[in-house]
Amino acid sequence: MIANIKDSKLEFKLVQDVTASWVQGKLEQMRRMMKEEKSYQEVVIDMEEVEVIDSIGISLIIGLYKSSCKLSKDFKVVGLNGRIKSLFEMMRLDQVFSVER
């Protein structure tokens, strides 16, 4: 995971599959970054390099969305491959937050 702030966006670039083995400890680490840094208006999760996401990975994304809401920040997920985008649509997550291909 690579995190940076650019153009008032806090971007988390996920550079591997978002599965249970990777997620462990990441949610709290990412939430801490979201709380400590105040100079952004939007959280962007870049999943361009992610090929696979499991239920624990989906829980991570939802947890980050909830954290951004508590901080009054916008939230979106970008760079989804077709399969993951279809999964997000099937789960209706695209109706909760912005999901882009």
PDB file of N, CA and C in Angstrom:
ATOM      1  N   MET A   1       0.848  -1.176   0.000  1.00  0.00           N
ATOM      2  CA  MET A   1       0.000   0.000   0.000  1.00  0.00           C
ATOM      3  C   MET A   1       0.890   1.235   0.000  1.00  0.00           C
ATOM      4  N   ILE A   2       0.509   2.179  -0.848  1.00  0.00           N
ATOM      5  CA  ILE A   2       1.208   3.449  -0.912  1.00  0.00           C
ATOM      6  C   ILE A   2       0.184   4.532  -0.605  1.00  0.00           C
ATOM      7  N   ALA A   3       0.502   5.421   0.319  1.00  0.00           N
ATOM      8  CA  ALA A   3      -0.402   6.508   0.682  1.00  0.00           C
ATOM      9  C   ALA A   3       0.263   7.843   0.373  1.00  0.00           C
ATOM     10  N   ASN A   4      -0.511   8.751  -0.224  1.00  0.00           N
ATOM     11  CA  ASN A   4      -0.007  10.110  -0.432  1.00  0.00           C
ATOM     12  C   ASN A   4      -1.167  11.086  -0.536  1.00  0.00           C
ATOM     13  N   ILE A   5      -0.836  12.354  -0.356  1.00  0.00           N
ATOM     14  CA  ILE A   5      -1.830  13.410  -0.465  1.00  0.00           C
ATOM     15  C   ILE A   5      -1.448  14.276  -1.659  1.00  0.00           C
ATOM     16  N   LYS A   6      -2.427  14.466  -2.548  1.00  0.00           N
ATOM     17  CA  LYS A   6      -2.199  15.272  -3.744  1.00  0.00           C
ATOM     18  C   LYS A   6      -3.522  15.899  -4.150  1.00  0.00           C
ATOM     19  N   ASP A   7      -3.503  17.179  -4.429  1.00  0.00           N
ATOM     20  CA  ASP A   7      -4.712  17.878  -4.880  1.00  0.00           C
ATOM     21  C   ASP A   7      -5.877  17.683  -3.917  1.00  0.00           C
ATOM     22  N   SER A   8      -5.636  17.841  -2.646  1.00  0.00           N
ATOM     23  CA  SER A   8      -6.622  17.707  -1.567  1.00  0.00           C
ATOM     24  C   SER A   8      -7.284  16.327  -1.517  1.00  0.00           C
ATOM     25  N   LYS A   9      -6.549  15.301  -2.003  1.00  0.00           N
ATOM     26  CA  LYS A   9      -7.034  13.921  -1.945  1.00  0.00           C
ATOM     27  C   LYS A   9      -6.023  13.063  -1.194  1.00  0.00           C
ATOM     28  N   LEU A  10      -6.510  12.278  -0.256  1.00  0.00           N
ATOM     29  CA  LEU A  10      -5.691  11.265   0.396  1.00  0.00           C
ATOM     30  C   LEU A  10      -5.908   9.987  -0.393  1.00  0.00           C
ATOM     31  N   GLU A  11      -4.846   9.552  -1.083  1.00  0.00           N
ATOM     32  CA  GLU A  11      -4.959   8.374  -1.943  1.00  0.00           C
ATOM     33  C   GLU A  11      -4.232   7.193  -1.326  1.00  0.00           C
ATOM     34  N   PHE A  12      -4.944   6.090  -1.242  1.00  0.00           N
ATOM     35  CA  PHE A  12      -4.349   4.821  -0.849  1.00  0.00           C
ATOM     36  C   PHE A  12      -4.274   3.969  -2.111  1.00  0.00           C
ATOM     37  N   LYS A  13      -3.075   3.701  -2.580  1.00  0.00           N
ATOM     38  CA  LYS A  13      -2.885   2.853  -3.755  1.00  0.00           C
ATOM     39  C   LYS A  13      -2.597   1.445  -3.264  1.00  0.00           C
ATOM     40  N   LEU A  14      -3.513   0.537  -3.552  1.00  0.00           N
ATOM     41  CA  LEU A  14      -3.371  -0.853  -3.137  1.00  0.00           C
ATOM     42  C   LEU A  14      -2.620  -1.590  -4.242  1.00  0.00           C
ATOM     43  N   VAL A  15      -1.495  -2.183  -3.897  1.00  0.00           N
ATOM     44  CA  VAL A  15      -0.609  -2.746  -4.918  1.00  0.00           C
ATOM     45  C   VAL A  15      -0.563  -4.270  -4.899  1.00  0.00           C
ATOM     46  N   GLN A  16      -1.514  -4.882  -4.215  1.00  0.00           N
ATOM     47  CA  GLN A  16      -1.609  -6.342  -4.221  1.00  0.00           C
ATOM     48  C   GLN A  16      -3.052  -6.732  -3.930  1.00  0.00           C
ATOM     49  N   ASP A  17      -3.344  -8.012  -4.024  1.00  0.00           N
ATOM     50  CA  ASP A  17      -4.695  -8.485  -3.785  1.00  0.00           C
ATOM     51  C   ASP A  17      -5.144  -8.151  -2.366  1.00  0.00           C
ATOM     52  N   VAL A  18      -6.413  -7.799  -2.240  1.00  0.00           N
ATOM     53  CA  VAL A  18      -6.979  -7.373  -0.961  1.00  0.00           C
ATOM     54  C   VAL A  18      -7.719  -8.567  -0.366  1.00  0.00           C
ATOM     55  N   THR A  19      -6.954  -9.400   0.322  1.00  0.00           N
ATOM     56  CA  THR A  19      -7.484 -10.626   0.921  1.00  0.00           C
ATOM     57  C   THR A  19      -7.157 -10.637   2.413  1.00  0.00           C
ATOM     58  N   ALA A  20      -7.722 -11.592   3.116  1.00  0.00           N
ATOM     59  CA  ALA A  20      -7.580 -11.663   4.574  1.00  0.00           C
ATOM     60  C   ALA A  20      -6.127 -11.588   5.024  1.00  0.00           C
ATOM     61  N   SER A  21      -5.239 -12.269   4.331  1.00  0.00           N
ATOM     62  CA  SER A  21      -3.839 -12.280   4.753  1.00  0.00           C
ATOM     63  C   SER A  21      -3.195 -10.903   4.642  1.00  0.00           C
ATOM     64  N   TRP A  22      -3.614 -10.094   3.691  1.00  0.00           N
ATOM     65  CA  TRP A  22      -3.049  -8.753   3.528  1.00  0.00           C
ATOM     66  C   TRP A  22      -3.738  -7.738   4.430  1.00  0.00           C
ATOM     67  N   VAL A  23      -5.018  -7.872   4.623  1.00  0.00           N
ATOM     68  CA  VAL A  23      -5.820  -6.876   5.332  1.00  0.00           C
ATOM     69  C   VAL A  23      -5.434  -6.740   6.803  1.00  0.00           C
ATOM     70  N   GLN A  24      -4.987  -7.820   7.416  1.00  0.00           N
ATOM     71  CA  GLN A  24      -4.710  -7.815   8.850  1.00  0.00           C
ATOM     72  C   GLN A  24      -3.868  -6.604   9.261  1.00  0.00           C
ATOM     73  N   GLY A  25      -4.435  -5.763  10.107  1.00  0.00           N
ATOM     74  CA  GLY A  25      -3.737  -4.586  10.619  1.00  0.00           C
ATOM     75  C   GLY A  25      -3.801  -3.363   9.725  1.00  0.00           C
ATOM     76  N   LYS A  26      -4.197  -3.521   8.475  1.00  0.00           N
ATOM     77  CA  LYS A  26      -4.200  -2.396   7.542  1.00  0.00           C
ATOM     78  C   LYS A  26      -5.314  -1.389   7.833  1.00  0.00           C
ATOM     79  N   LEU A  27      -6.491  -1.859   8.241  1.00  0.00           N
ATOM     80  CA  LEU A  27      -7.603  -0.942   8.479  1.00  0.00           C
ATOM     81  C   LEU A  27      -7.230   0.088   9.532  1.00  0.00           C
ATOM     82  N   GLU A  28      -6.685  -0.353  10.643  1.00  0.00           N
ATOM     83  CA  GLU A  28      -6.312   0.596  11.701  1.00  0.00           C
ATOM     84  C   GLU A  28      -5.199   1.531  11.246  1.00  0.00           C
ATOM     85  N   GLN A  29      -4.242   1.007  10.501  1.00  0.00           N
ATOM     86  CA  GLN A  29      -3.157   1.835   9.970  1.00  0.00           C
ATOM     87  C   GLN A  29      -3.719   2.928   9.044  1.00  0.00           C
ATOM     88  N   MET A  30      -4.629   2.553   8.175  1.00  0.00           N
ATOM     89  CA  MET A  30      -5.211   3.507   7.237  1.00  0.00           C
ATOM     90  C   MET A  30      -6.115   4.505   7.961  1.00  0.00           C
ATOM     91  N   ARG A  31      -6.883   4.044   8.928  1.00  0.00           N
ATOM     92  CA  ARG A  31      -7.727   4.949   9.715  1.00  0.00           C
ATOM     93  C   ARG A  31      -6.882   5.965  10.470  1.00  0.00           C
ATOM     94  N   ARG A  32      -5.772   5.520  10.998  1.00  0.00           N
ATOM     95  CA  ARG A  32      -4.872   6.420  11.721  1.00  0.00           C
ATOM     96  C   ARG A  32      -4.366   7.524  10.780  1.00  0.00           C
ATOM     97  N   MET A  33      -3.979   7.158   9.580  1.00  0.00           N
ATOM     98  CA  MET A  33      -3.530   8.154   8.594  1.00  0.00           C
ATOM     99  C   MET A  33      -4.647   9.143   8.275  1.00  0.00           C
ATOM    100  N   MET A  34      -5.866   8.634   8.151  1.00  0.00           N
ATOM    101  CA  MET A  34      -7.001   9.498   7.840  1.00  0.00           C
ATOM    102  C   MET A  34      -7.253  10.504   8.952  1.00  0.00           C
ATOM    103  N   LYS A  35      -7.083  10.091  10.200  1.00  0.00           N
ATOM    104  CA  LYS A  35      -7.326  10.987  11.341  1.00  0.00           C
ATOM    105  C   LYS A  35      -6.190  11.972  11.546  1.00  0.00           C
ATOM    106  N   GLU A  36      -4.961  11.530  11.348  1.00  0.00           N
ATOM    107  CA  GLU A  36      -3.801  12.385  11.617  1.00  0.00           C
ATOM    108  C   GLU A  36      -3.640  13.493  10.592  1.00  0.00           C
ATOM    109  N   GLU A  37      -3.913  13.197   9.352  1.00  0.00           N
ATOM    110  CA  GLU A  37      -3.743  14.174   8.277  1.00  0.00           C
ATOM    111  C   GLU A  37      -5.056  14.916   8.060  1.00  0.00           C
ATOM    112  N   LYS A  38      -5.018  16.216   8.052  1.00  0.00           N
ATOM    113  CA  LYS A  38      -6.262  17.002   7.948  1.00  0.00           C
ATOM    114  C   LYS A  38      -6.379  17.792   6.649  1.00  0.00           C
ATOM    115  N   SER A  39      -5.364  17.761   5.798  1.00  0.00           N
ATOM    116  CA  SER A  39      -5.325  18.660   4.641  1.00  0.00           C
ATOM    117  C   SER A  39      -5.985  18.089   3.389  1.00  0.00           C
ATOM    118  N   TYR A  40      -6.852  17.135   3.513  1.00  0.00           N
ATOM    119  CA  TYR A  40      -7.494  16.533   2.351  1.00  0.00           C
ATOM    120  C   TYR A  40      -9.012  16.626   2.485  1.00  0.00           C
ATOM    121  N   GLN A  41      -9.695  16.544   1.351  1.00  0.00           N
ATOM    122  CA  GLN A  41     -11.154  16.589   1.328  1.00  0.00           C
ATOM    123  C   GLN A  41     -11.784  15.286   0.860  1.00  0.00           C
ATOM    124  N   GLU A  42     -10.963  14.422   0.243  1.00  0.00           N
ATOM    125  CA  GLU A  42     -11.506  13.197  -0.336  1.00  0.00           C
ATOM    126  C   GLU A  42     -10.533  12.042  -0.121  1.00  0.00           C
ATOM    127  N   VAL A  43     -11.090  10.876   0.179  1.00  0.00           N
ATOM    128  CA  VAL A  43     -10.305   9.646   0.272  1.00  0.00           C
ATOM    129  C   VAL A  43     -10.514   8.883  -1.030  1.00  0.00           C
ATOM    130  N   VAL A  44      -9.396   8.514  -1.670  1.00  0.00           N
ATOM    131  CA  VAL A  44      -9.457   7.771  -2.930  1.00  0.00           C
ATOM    132  C   VAL A  44      -8.724   6.446  -2.729  1.00  0.00           C
ATOM    133  N   ILE A  45      -9.415   5.350  -2.983  1.00  0.00           N
ATOM    134  CA  ILE A  45      -8.805   4.022  -2.917  1.00  0.00           C
ATOM    135  C   ILE A  45      -8.533   3.586  -4.357  1.00  0.00           C
ATOM    136  N   ASP A  46      -7.252   3.536  -4.725  1.00  0.00           N
ATOM    137  CA  ASP A  46      -6.852   3.155  -6.073  1.00  0.00           C
ATOM    138  C   ASP A  46      -6.571   1.650  -6.089  1.00  0.00           C
ATOM    139  N   MET A  47      -7.404   0.908  -6.818  1.00  0.00           N
ATOM    140  CA  MET A  47      -7.286  -0.548  -6.857  1.00  0.00           C
ATOM    141  C   MET A  47      -6.855  -1.054  -8.231  1.00  0.00           C
ATOM    142  N   GLU A  48      -6.157  -0.215  -8.984  1.00  0.00           N
ATOM    143  CA  GLU A  48      -5.759  -0.579 -10.343  1.00  0.00           C
ATOM    144  C   GLU A  48      -4.933  -1.862 -10.404  1.00  0.00           C
ATOM    145  N   GLU A  49      -4.105  -2.114  -9.396  1.00  0.00           N
ATOM    146  CA  GLU A  49      -3.238  -3.291  -9.409  1.00  0.00           C
ATOM    147  C   GLU A  49      -3.830  -4.497  -8.675  1.00  0.00           C
ATOM    148  N   VAL A  50      -5.060  -4.370  -8.202  1.00  0.00           N
ATOM    149  CA  VAL A  50      -5.715  -5.444  -7.461  1.00  0.00           C
ATOM    150  C   VAL A  50      -6.447  -6.367  -8.436  1.00  0.00           C
ATOM    151  N   GLU A  51      -6.125  -7.655  -8.366  1.00  0.00           N
ATOM    152  CA  GLU A  51      -6.788  -8.647  -9.211  1.00  0.00           C
ATOM    153  C   GLU A  51      -7.882  -9.402  -8.457  1.00  0.00           C
ATOM    154  N   VAL A  52      -7.710  -9.537  -7.121  1.00  0.00           N
ATOM    155  CA  VAL A  52      -8.619 -10.348  -6.308  1.00  0.00           C
ATOM    156  C   VAL A  52      -8.952  -9.591  -5.034  1.00  0.00           C
ATOM    157  N   ILE A  53     -10.226  -9.666  -4.636  1.00  0.00           N
ATOM    158  CA  ILE A  53     -10.659  -9.139  -3.345  1.00  0.00           C
ATOM    159  C   ILE A  53     -11.598 -10.171  -2.730  1.00  0.00           C
ATOM    160  N   ASP A  54     -11.431 -10.436  -1.431  1.00  0.00           N
ATOM    161  CA  ASP A  54     -12.330 -11.379  -0.761  1.00  0.00           C
ATOM    162  C   ASP A  54     -13.248 -10.627   0.193  1.00  0.00           C
ATOM    163  N   SER A  55     -14.045 -11.352   0.965  1.00  0.00           N
ATOM    164  CA  SER A  55     -15.021 -10.708   1.852  1.00  0.00           C
ATOM    165  C   SER A  55     -14.345  -9.840   2.908  1.00  0.00           C
ATOM    166  N   ILE A  56     -13.184 -10.235   3.368  1.00  0.00           N
ATOM    167  CA  ILE A  56     -12.446  -9.423   4.344  1.00  0.00           C
ATOM    168  C   ILE A  56     -11.962  -8.137   3.673  1.00  0.00           C
ATOM    169  N   GLY A  57     -11.560  -8.227   2.423  1.00  0.00           N
ATOM    170  CA  GLY A  57     -11.157  -7.043   1.667  1.00  0.00           C
ATOM    171  C   GLY A  57     -12.319  -6.085   1.459  1.00  0.00           C
ATOM    172  N   ILE A  58     -13.494  -6.628   1.156  1.00  0.00           N
ATOM    173  CA  ILE A  58     -14.694  -5.794   1.031  1.00  0.00           C
ATOM    174  C   ILE A  58     -14.975  -5.097   2.357  1.00  0.00           C
ATOM    175  N   SER A  59     -14.809  -5.823   3.458  1.00  0.00           N
ATOM    176  CA  SER A  59     -15.012  -5.230   4.792  1.00  0.00           C
ATOM    177  C   SER A  59     -14.041  -4.077   5.033  1.00  0.00           C
ATOM    178  N   LEU A  60     -12.818  -4.207   4.552  1.00  0.00           N
ATOM    179  CA  LEU A  60     -11.837  -3.127   4.678  1.00  0.00           C
ATOM    180  C   LEU A  60     -12.324  -1.888   3.937  1.00  0.00           C
ATOM    181  N   ILE A  61     -12.783  -2.057   2.712  1.00  0.00           N
ATOM    182  CA  ILE A  61     -13.263  -0.922   1.919  1.00  0.00           C
ATOM    183  C   ILE A  61     -14.458  -0.256   2.612  1.00  0.00           C
ATOM    184  N   ILE A  62     -15.396  -1.054   3.093  1.00  0.00           N
ATOM    185  CA  ILE A  62     -16.561  -0.507   3.788  1.00  0.00           C
ATOM    186  C   ILE A  62     -16.134   0.209   5.067  1.00  0.00           C
ATOM    187  N   GLY A  63     -15.187  -0.358   5.800  1.00  0.00           N
ATOM    188  CA  GLY A  63     -14.674   0.287   7.010  1.00  0.00           C
ATOM    189  C   GLY A  63     -14.032   1.627   6.713  1.00  0.00           C
ATOM    190  N   LEU A  64     -13.285   1.716   5.622  1.00  0.00           N
ATOM    191  CA  LEU A  64     -12.669   2.987   5.231  1.00  0.00           C
ATOM    192  C   LEU A  64     -13.734   4.004   4.827  1.00  0.00           C
ATOM    193  N   TYR A  65     -14.767   3.529   4.137  1.00  0.00           N
ATOM    194  CA  TYR A  65     -15.875   4.416   3.773  1.00  0.00           C
ATOM    195  C   TYR A  65     -16.535   4.986   5.028  1.00  0.00           C
ATOM    196  N   LYS A  66     -16.820   4.136   6.000  1.00  0.00           N
ATOM    197  CA  LYS A  66     -17.452   4.594   7.238  1.00  0.00           C
ATOM    198  C   LYS A  66     -16.559   5.595   7.972  1.00  0.00           C
ATOM    199  N   SER A  67     -15.261   5.334   7.981  1.00  0.00           N
ATOM    200  CA  SER A  67     -14.326   6.264   8.635  1.00  0.00           C
ATOM    201  C   SER A  67     -14.316   7.611   7.927  1.00  0.00           C
ATOM    202  N   SER A  68     -14.348   7.593   6.603  1.00  0.00           N
ATOM    203  CA  SER A  68     -14.348   8.861   5.868  1.00  0.00           C
ATOM    204  C   SER A  68     -15.635   9.641   6.141  1.00  0.00           C
ATOM    205  N   CYS A  69     -16.753   8.940   6.281  1.00  0.00           N
ATOM    206  CA  CYS A  69     -18.013   9.607   6.611  1.00  0.00           C
ATOM    207  C   CYS A  69     -17.930  10.286   7.973  1.00  0.00           C
ATOM    208  N   LYS A  70     -17.359   9.597   8.953  1.00  0.00           N
ATOM    209  CA  LYS A  70     -17.218  10.170  10.293  1.00  0.00           C
ATOM    210  C   LYS A  70     -16.347  11.413  10.282  1.00  0.00           C
ATOM    211  N   LEU A  71     -15.393  11.472   9.349  1.00  0.00           N
ATOM    212  CA  LEU A  71     -14.493  12.620   9.238  1.00  0.00           C
ATOM    213  C   LEU A  71     -15.028  13.666   8.252  1.00  0.00           C
ATOM    214  N   SER A  72     -16.229  13.435   7.707  1.00  0.00           N
ATOM    215  CA  SER A  72     -16.861  14.329   6.725  1.00  0.00           C
ATOM    216  C   SER A  72     -16.007  14.512   5.474  1.00  0.00           C
ATOM    217  N   LYS A  73     -15.444  13.415   5.001  1.00  0.00           N
ATOM    218  CA  LYS A  73     -14.629  13.421   3.787  1.00  0.00           C
ATOM    219  C   LYS A  73     -15.357  12.645   2.691  1.00  0.00           C
ATOM    220  N   ASP A  74     -15.183  13.075   1.452  1.00  0.00           N
ATOM    221  CA  ASP A  74     -15.725  12.331   0.322  1.00  0.00           C
ATOM    222  C   ASP A  74     -14.936  11.031   0.170  1.00  0.00           C
ATOM    223  N   PHE A  75     -15.509  10.054  -0.542  1.00  0.00           N
ATOM    224  CA  PHE A  75     -14.883   8.744  -0.665  1.00  0.00           C
ATOM    225  C   PHE A  75     -15.173   8.163  -2.039  1.00  0.00           C
ATOM    226  N   LYS A  76     -14.157   7.596  -2.666  1.00  0.00           N
ATOM    227  CA  LYS A  76     -14.390   6.869  -3.908  1.00  0.00           C
ATOM    228  C   LYS A  76     -13.330   5.802  -4.103  1.00  0.00           C
ATOM    229  N   VAL A  77     -13.716   4.800  -4.879  1.00  0.00           N
ATOM    230  CA  VAL A  77     -12.829   3.694  -5.235  1.00  0.00           C
ATOM    231  C   VAL A  77     -12.632   3.768  -6.742  1.00  0.00           C
ATOM    232  N   VAL A  78     -11.378   3.712  -7.193  1.00  0.00           N
ATOM    233  CA  VAL A  78     -11.073   3.838  -8.618  1.00  0.00           C
ATOM    234  C   VAL A  78     -10.172   2.694  -9.074  1.00  0.00           C
ATOM    235  N   GLY A  79     -10.107   2.520 -10.391  1.00  0.00           N
ATOM    236  CA  GLY A  79      -9.187   1.559 -10.982  1.00  0.00           C
ATOM    237  C   GLY A  79      -9.606   0.104 -10.883  1.00  0.00           C
ATOM    238  N   LEU A  80     -10.895  -0.148 -10.736  1.00  0.00           N
ATOM    239  CA  LEU A  80     -11.365  -1.522 -10.578  1.00  0.00           C
ATOM    240  C   LEU A  80     -11.328  -2.280 -11.898  1.00  0.00           C
ATOM    241  N   ASN A  81     -10.910  -3.539 -11.827  1.00  0.00           N
ATOM    242  CA  ASN A  81     -11.026  -4.374 -13.023  1.00  0.00           C
ATOM    243  C   ASN A  81     -12.503  -4.763 -13.184  1.00  0.00           C
ATOM    244  N   GLY A  82     -12.851  -5.335 -14.322  1.00  0.00           N
ATOM    245  CA  GLY A  82     -14.247  -5.652 -14.613  1.00  0.00           C
ATOM    246  C   GLY A  82     -14.913  -6.568 -13.603  1.00  0.00           C
ATOM    247  N   ARG A  83     -14.194  -7.605 -13.161  1.00  0.00           N
ATOM    248  CA  ARG A  83     -14.767  -8.562 -12.201  1.00  0.00           C
ATOM    249  C   ARG A  83     -15.056  -7.891 -10.858  1.00  0.00           C
ATOM    250  N   ILE A  84     -14.106  -7.106 -10.374  1.00  0.00           N
ATOM    251  CA  ILE A  84     -14.297  -6.469  -9.065  1.00  0.00           C
ATOM    252  C   ILE A  84     -15.375  -5.398  -9.161  1.00  0.00           C
ATOM    253  N   LYS A  85     -15.408  -4.657 -10.251  1.00  0.00           N
ATOM    254  CA  LYS A  85     -16.455  -3.650 -10.432  1.00  0.00           C
ATOM    255  C   LYS A  85     -17.825  -4.323 -10.449  1.00  0.00           C
ATOM    256  N   SER A  86     -17.943  -5.444 -11.134  1.00  0.00           N
ATOM    257  CA  SER A  86     -19.213  -6.189 -11.158  1.00  0.00           C
ATOM    258  C   SER A  86     -19.606  -6.651  -9.760  1.00  0.00           C
ATOM    259  N   LEU A  87     -18.629  -7.094  -8.985  1.00  0.00           N
ATOM    260  CA  LEU A  87     -18.892  -7.509  -7.605  1.00  0.00           C
ATOM    261  C   LEU A  87     -19.416  -6.334  -6.781  1.00  0.00           C
ATOM    262  N   PHE A  88     -18.768  -5.178  -6.903  1.00  0.00           N
ATOM    263  CA  PHE A  88     -19.214  -3.986  -6.175  1.00  0.00           C
ATOM    264  C   PHE A  88     -20.643  -3.616  -6.590  1.00  0.00           C
ATOM    265  N   GLU A  89     -20.939  -3.732  -7.884  1.00  0.00           N
ATOM    266  CA  GLU A  89     -22.288  -3.420  -8.359  1.00  0.00           C
ATOM    267  C   GLU A  89     -23.300  -4.436  -7.852  1.00  0.00           C
ATOM    268  N   MET A  90     -22.934  -5.719  -7.856  1.00  0.00           N
ATOM    269  CA  MET A  90     -23.827  -6.760  -7.361  1.00  0.00           C
ATOM    270  C   MET A  90     -24.148  -6.540  -5.879  1.00  0.00           C
ATOM    271  N   MET A  91     -23.155  -6.078  -5.131  1.00  0.00           N
ATOM    272  CA  MET A  91     -23.353  -5.801  -3.703  1.00  0.00           C
ATOM    273  C   MET A  91     -23.960  -4.409  -3.471  1.00  0.00           C
ATOM    274  N   ARG A  92     -24.192  -3.701  -4.576  1.00  0.00           N
ATOM    275  CA  ARG A  92     -24.769  -2.354  -4.558  1.00  0.00           C
ATOM    276  C   ARG A  92     -23.885  -1.332  -3.844  1.00  0.00           C
ATOM    277  N   LEU A  93     -22.607  -1.602  -3.768  1.00  0.00           N
ATOM    278  CA  LEU A  93     -21.690  -0.641  -3.161  1.00  0.00           C
ATOM    279  C   LEU A  93     -21.561   0.599  -4.025  1.00  0.00           C
ATOM    280  N   ASP A  94     -21.789   0.470  -5.328  1.00  0.00           N
ATOM    281  CA  ASP A  94     -21.723   1.615  -6.221  1.00  0.00           C
ATOM    282  C   ASP A  94     -22.858   2.612  -5.945  1.00  0.00           C
ATOM    283  N   GLN A  95     -23.855   2.185  -5.178  1.00  0.00           N
ATOM    284  CA  GLN A  95     -24.941   3.088  -4.782  1.00  0.00           C
ATOM    285  C   GLN A  95     -24.659   3.761  -3.439  1.00  0.00           C
ATOM    286  N   VAL A  96     -23.612   3.283  -2.756  1.00  0.00           N
ATOM    287  CA  VAL A  96     -23.234   3.843  -1.460  1.00  0.00           C
ATOM    288  C   VAL A  96     -22.126   4.885  -1.634  1.00  0.00           C
ATOM    289  N   PHE A  97     -21.131   4.553  -2.460  1.00  0.00           N
ATOM    290  CA  PHE A  97     -20.027   5.478  -2.738  1.00  0.00           C
ATOM    291  C   PHE A  97     -19.632   5.361  -4.202  1.00  0.00           C
ATOM    292  N   SER A  98     -18.854   6.312  -4.643  1.00  0.00           N
ATOM    293  CA  SER A  98     -18.451   6.351  -6.059  1.00  0.00           C
ATOM    294  C   SER A  98     -17.488   5.216  -6.376  1.00  0.00           C
ATOM    295  N   VAL A  99     -17.802   4.476  -7.459  1.00  0.00           N
ATOM    296  CA  VAL A  99     -16.979   3.360  -7.909  1.00  0.00           C
ATOM    297  C   VAL A  99     -16.668   3.608  -9.384  1.00  0.00           C
ATOM    298  N   GLU A 100     -15.372   3.688  -9.710  1.00  0.00           N
ATOM    299  CA  GLU A 100     -14.971   3.970 -11.081  1.00  0.00           C
ATOM    300  C   GLU A 100     -14.046   2.897 -11.593  1.00  0.00           C
ATOM    301  N   ARG A 101     -14.113   2.640 -12.863  1.00  0.00           N
ATOM    302  CA  ARG A 101     -13.280   1.627 -13.499  1.00  0.00           C
ATOM    303  C   ARG A 101     -11.889   2.101 -13.758  1.00  0.00           C
TER     304      ARG A 101
END
